[in-house]
């Protein structure tokens, strides 16, 4: 089995690669690639991203990878991480940037002057460990308790137009969607590669996943 980690110069690529290789107990061939043909030929695809949405979209297009990403979302297990997940929606408020439009919806900035339960101001970007609350069962949640903590670094969040793609939520301070998915696609706002045991378990689940939910 070939697993492509897409390299378009915008992601925590080597940490993602190492985390997936660490849980690879099935002998999968896991590799970084910026070659659209290799992405299309892979059995599974991981699409990381880190940084500003306009920069990520520009680099994705400059590598000629946008079409390969879209093709991969149609026919194989696909895992998006952080900006790699945000790019799957139609539009982002960050730089007024069009996304790939795989899912209907927006990527919105957290509101200004957010306050926690004690009335203390919350910082944007949101950085740190937050619980995620599963909205329904999914194969990639196997071995992960509802309310498990994952690591976030972001100023923008998913605002999907279709309720059924909202697979999990977190709080900052209100509930927001932090995992989107449908069928063969699963995409997280948090960084699995920085989320210790739970993140490794999720990546292990992805390697075993057949792309059905």
Protein backbone atom coordinates (compact mmCIF):
# COMPACT_ATOMS: atom_id res chain seq x y z
CA UNK A 1 0.00 0.00 0.00
CA UNK A 2 1.34 3.42 -0.99
CA UNK A 3 0.57 6.44 1.20
CA UNK A 4 1.47 9.86 -0.23
CA UNK A 5 2.12 12.81 2.09
CA UNK A 6 1.69 15.85 -0.16
CA UNK A 7 4.66 18.22 -0.16
CA UNK A 8 3.85 21.70 -1.46
CA UNK A 9 6.26 23.49 0.84
CA UNK A 10 3.58 24.50 3.38
CA UNK A 11 3.26 22.11 6.28
CA UNK A 12 4.89 20.41 9.21
CA UNK A 13 5.88 17.80 6.66
CA UNK A 14 8.64 15.85 8.34
CA UNK A 15 6.79 15.66 11.66
CA UNK A 16 3.70 14.40 9.84
CA UNK A 17 5.77 11.86 7.92
CA UNK A 18 7.57 10.62 11.04
CA UNK A 19 4.34 10.29 13.02
CA UNK A 20 2.71 8.16 10.33
CA UNK A 21 5.84 6.06 9.86
CA UNK A 22 5.98 5.50 13.64
CA UNK A 23 2.55 3.81 13.67
CA UNK A 24 3.11 1.95 10.38
CA UNK A 25 2.85 -1.66 11.51
CA UNK A 26 1.32 -2.87 8.24
CA UNK A 27 4.33 -2.34 5.97
CA UNK A 28 2.89 0.57 4.01
CA UNK A 29 5.15 2.58 1.70
CA UNK A 30 4.81 6.11 3.14
CA UNK A 31 6.53 8.92 1.26
CA UNK A 32 6.66 12.68 0.71
CA UNK A 33 5.89 13.84 -2.81
CA UNK A 34 5.26 17.02 -4.78
CA UNK A 35 4.55 15.02 -7.96
CA UNK A 36 0.84 15.11 -8.92
CA UNK A 37 1.15 11.73 -10.66
CA UNK A 38 2.49 10.09 -7.52
CA UNK A 39 -0.40 11.55 -5.53
CA UNK A 40 -2.94 10.22 -8.02
CA UNK A 41 -1.30 6.76 -8.06
CA UNK A 42 -1.15 6.47 -4.25
CA UNK A 43 -3.64 4.27 -2.40
CA UNK A 44 -4.07 6.83 0.39
CA UNK A 45 -3.27 10.53 0.69
CA UNK A 46 -2.34 12.80 3.61
CA UNK A 47 -2.67 16.53 2.94
CA UNK A 48 -0.95 18.64 5.63
CA UNK A 49 -0.75 22.41 5.76
CA UNK A 50 0.61 25.15 7.98
CA UNK A 51 0.72 28.92 7.60
CA UNK A 52 -1.55 31.42 5.89
CA UNK A 53 -4.32 30.15 3.62
CA UNK A 54 -3.45 32.47 0.67
CA UNK A 55 0.18 31.29 0.71
CA UNK A 56 -0.87 27.63 0.91
CA UNK A 57 -3.28 27.95 -2.03
CA UNK A 58 -0.68 29.80 -4.09
CA UNK A 59 1.97 27.14 -3.46
CA UNK A 60 -0.49 24.31 -4.10
CA UNK A 61 -1.25 25.79 -7.51
CA UNK A 62 2.40 26.53 -8.27
CA UNK A 63 3.24 22.86 -7.73
CA UNK A 64 0.33 21.86 -9.97
CA UNK A 65 -1.17 19.80 -7.15
CA UNK A 66 -4.70 21.23 -6.83
CA UNK A 67 -6.19 18.89 -9.43
CA UNK A 68 -4.43 15.87 -7.90
CA UNK A 69 -5.82 16.76 -4.48
CA UNK A 70 -9.34 17.08 -5.86
CA UNK A 71 -9.01 13.78 -7.71
CA UNK A 72 -7.78 12.05 -4.56
CA UNK A 73 -10.75 13.25 -2.51
CA UNK A 74 -13.05 11.44 -4.93
CA UNK A 75 -11.66 7.93 -4.84
CA UNK A 76 -9.33 7.02 -1.95
CA UNK A 77 -8.88 7.44 1.82
CA UNK A 78 -7.87 11.07 2.30
CA UNK A 79 -6.68 12.81 5.48
CA UNK A 80 -6.39 16.62 5.69
CA UNK A 81 -4.53 18.38 8.51
CA UNK A 82 -4.88 22.04 9.63
CA UNK A 83 -4.72 24.31 6.55
CA UNK A 84 -4.76 21.16 4.45
CA UNK A 85 -8.22 20.62 5.91
CA UNK A 86 -9.33 24.26 5.53
CA UNK A 87 -8.44 24.19 1.83
CA UNK A 88 -11.19 21.63 1.28
CA UNK A 89 -13.93 24.21 1.88
CA UNK A 90 -15.20 26.78 -0.61
CA UNK A 91 -13.74 29.98 0.83
CA UNK A 92 -11.66 31.39 3.66
CA UNK A 93 -11.91 34.81 5.30
CA UNK A 94 -8.12 34.71 5.54
CA UNK A 95 -7.08 36.85 2.60
CA UNK A 96 -10.51 36.36 0.99
CA UNK A 97 -9.14 33.12 -0.47
CA UNK A 98 -11.10 30.63 -2.60
CA UNK A 99 -10.71 27.03 -1.47
CA UNK A 100 -10.97 23.80 -3.43
CA UNK A 101 -14.72 23.52 -2.82
CA UNK A 102 -14.77 19.84 -1.92
CA UNK A 103 -17.18 20.72 0.91
CA UNK A 104 -19.67 23.57 1.02
CA UNK A 105 -18.89 26.17 3.64
CA UNK A 106 -16.49 28.82 4.87
CA UNK A 107 -13.38 29.14 6.98
CA UNK A 108 -14.02 31.96 9.46
CA UNK A 109 -11.80 33.91 11.84
CA UNK A 110 -12.49 33.68 15.56
CA UNK A 111 -14.36 36.76 16.75
CA UNK A 112 -12.47 39.55 18.48
CA UNK A 113 -12.66 40.00 22.26
CA UNK A 114 -13.54 36.41 23.11
CA UNK A 115 -13.85 35.76 26.85
CA UNK A 116 -13.57 32.54 28.83
CA UNK A 117 -15.95 31.48 31.63
CA UNK A 118 -14.01 33.62 34.14
CA UNK A 119 -14.25 36.72 31.94
CA UNK A 120 -10.60 36.55 30.89
CA UNK A 121 -9.78 37.46 27.30
CA UNK A 122 -8.91 34.56 25.02
CA UNK A 123 -6.02 35.00 22.64
CA UNK A 124 -6.22 34.57 18.89
CA UNK A 125 -4.56 32.52 17.51
CA UNK A 126 -5.96 29.73 19.61
CA UNK A 127 -2.97 27.64 20.70
CA UNK A 128 -2.92 24.65 22.99
CA UNK A 129 -4.65 21.45 24.02
CA UNK A 130 -8.42 21.26 23.66
CA UNK A 131 -10.95 18.49 24.02
CA UNK A 132 -12.76 17.27 20.93
CA UNK A 133 -16.34 16.02 21.13
CA UNK A 134 -17.34 13.39 18.61
CA UNK A 135 -20.69 14.00 16.95
CA UNK A 136 -21.02 10.43 15.70
CA UNK A 137 -19.01 7.25 15.48
CA UNK A 138 -16.28 6.95 12.86
CA UNK A 139 -13.54 4.37 12.20
CA UNK A 140 -10.84 6.98 12.83
CA UNK A 141 -12.15 7.46 16.39
CA UNK A 142 -11.34 3.85 17.30
CA UNK A 143 -9.40 3.75 20.57
CA UNK A 144 -9.94 7.49 21.16
CA UNK A 145 -12.26 8.54 23.97
CA UNK A 146 -14.86 11.22 23.41
CA UNK A 147 -13.45 14.38 24.99
CA UNK A 148 -9.81 13.44 24.28
CA UNK A 149 -7.39 16.37 23.98
CA UNK A 150 -5.65 17.34 20.74
CA UNK A 151 -3.22 20.16 19.93
CA UNK A 152 -4.47 23.27 18.06
CA UNK A 153 -2.71 26.28 16.50
CA UNK A 154 -5.15 28.40 14.48
CA UNK A 155 -6.94 31.72 14.09
CA UNK A 156 -9.60 30.41 11.69
CA UNK A 157 -12.10 27.57 11.99
CA UNK A 158 -14.46 25.54 9.84
CA UNK A 159 -18.00 26.83 9.30
CA UNK A 160 -19.48 24.03 7.16
CA UNK A 161 -22.74 24.67 5.30
CA UNK A 162 -23.84 21.05 5.69
CA UNK A 163 -24.34 19.66 9.18
CA UNK A 164 -23.52 16.08 8.23
CA UNK A 165 -19.84 16.84 7.48
CA UNK A 166 -19.28 18.13 11.04
CA UNK A 167 -17.73 15.05 12.66
CA UNK A 168 -16.41 16.65 15.85
CA UNK A 169 -16.37 19.93 17.74
CA UNK A 170 -14.19 21.75 20.24
CA UNK A 171 -14.70 24.92 22.33
CA UNK A 172 -13.08 28.37 22.25
CA UNK A 173 -15.15 29.42 24.17
CA UNK A 174 -18.18 28.43 22.06
CA UNK A 175 -18.47 25.20 20.13
CA UNK A 176 -16.81 25.14 16.71
CA UNK A 177 -16.37 22.40 14.13
CA UNK A 178 -12.88 20.88 14.29
CA UNK A 179 -13.23 17.78 12.08
CA UNK A 180 -14.98 17.65 8.71
CA UNK A 181 -15.53 14.55 6.66
CA UNK A 182 -17.75 12.44 4.50
CA UNK A 183 -17.21 9.06 2.86
CA UNK A 184 -13.50 8.66 2.15
CA UNK A 185 -12.47 12.12 3.48
CA UNK A 186 -11.47 12.93 7.07
CA UNK A 187 -9.89 16.31 7.90
CA UNK A 188 -8.86 17.86 11.21
CA UNK A 189 -8.24 21.45 12.28
CA UNK A 190 -5.85 20.26 15.01
CA UNK A 191 -2.38 18.84 14.41
CA UNK A 192 -2.42 15.06 14.77
CA UNK A 193 1.38 14.97 14.52
CA UNK A 194 1.64 17.17 17.65
CA UNK A 195 -1.12 15.41 19.63
CA UNK A 196 0.91 12.62 21.22
CA UNK A 197 -0.89 9.32 21.89
CA UNK A 198 -4.30 10.36 20.57
CA UNK A 199 -2.84 11.82 17.38
CA UNK A 200 -0.77 8.72 16.75
CA UNK A 201 -3.82 6.53 17.30
CA UNK A 202 -5.79 8.57 14.76
CA UNK A 203 -3.02 8.19 12.17
CA UNK A 204 -2.79 4.46 12.89
CA UNK A 205 -6.54 4.23 12.35
CA UNK A 206 -6.13 6.02 9.03
CA UNK A 207 -3.56 3.50 7.79
CA UNK A 208 -6.07 0.71 8.51
CA UNK A 209 -9.09 2.59 7.12
CA UNK A 210 -10.85 1.45 3.96
CA UNK A 211 -12.38 4.88 3.28
CA UNK A 212 -15.93 4.17 4.43
CA UNK A 213 -17.57 5.88 7.37
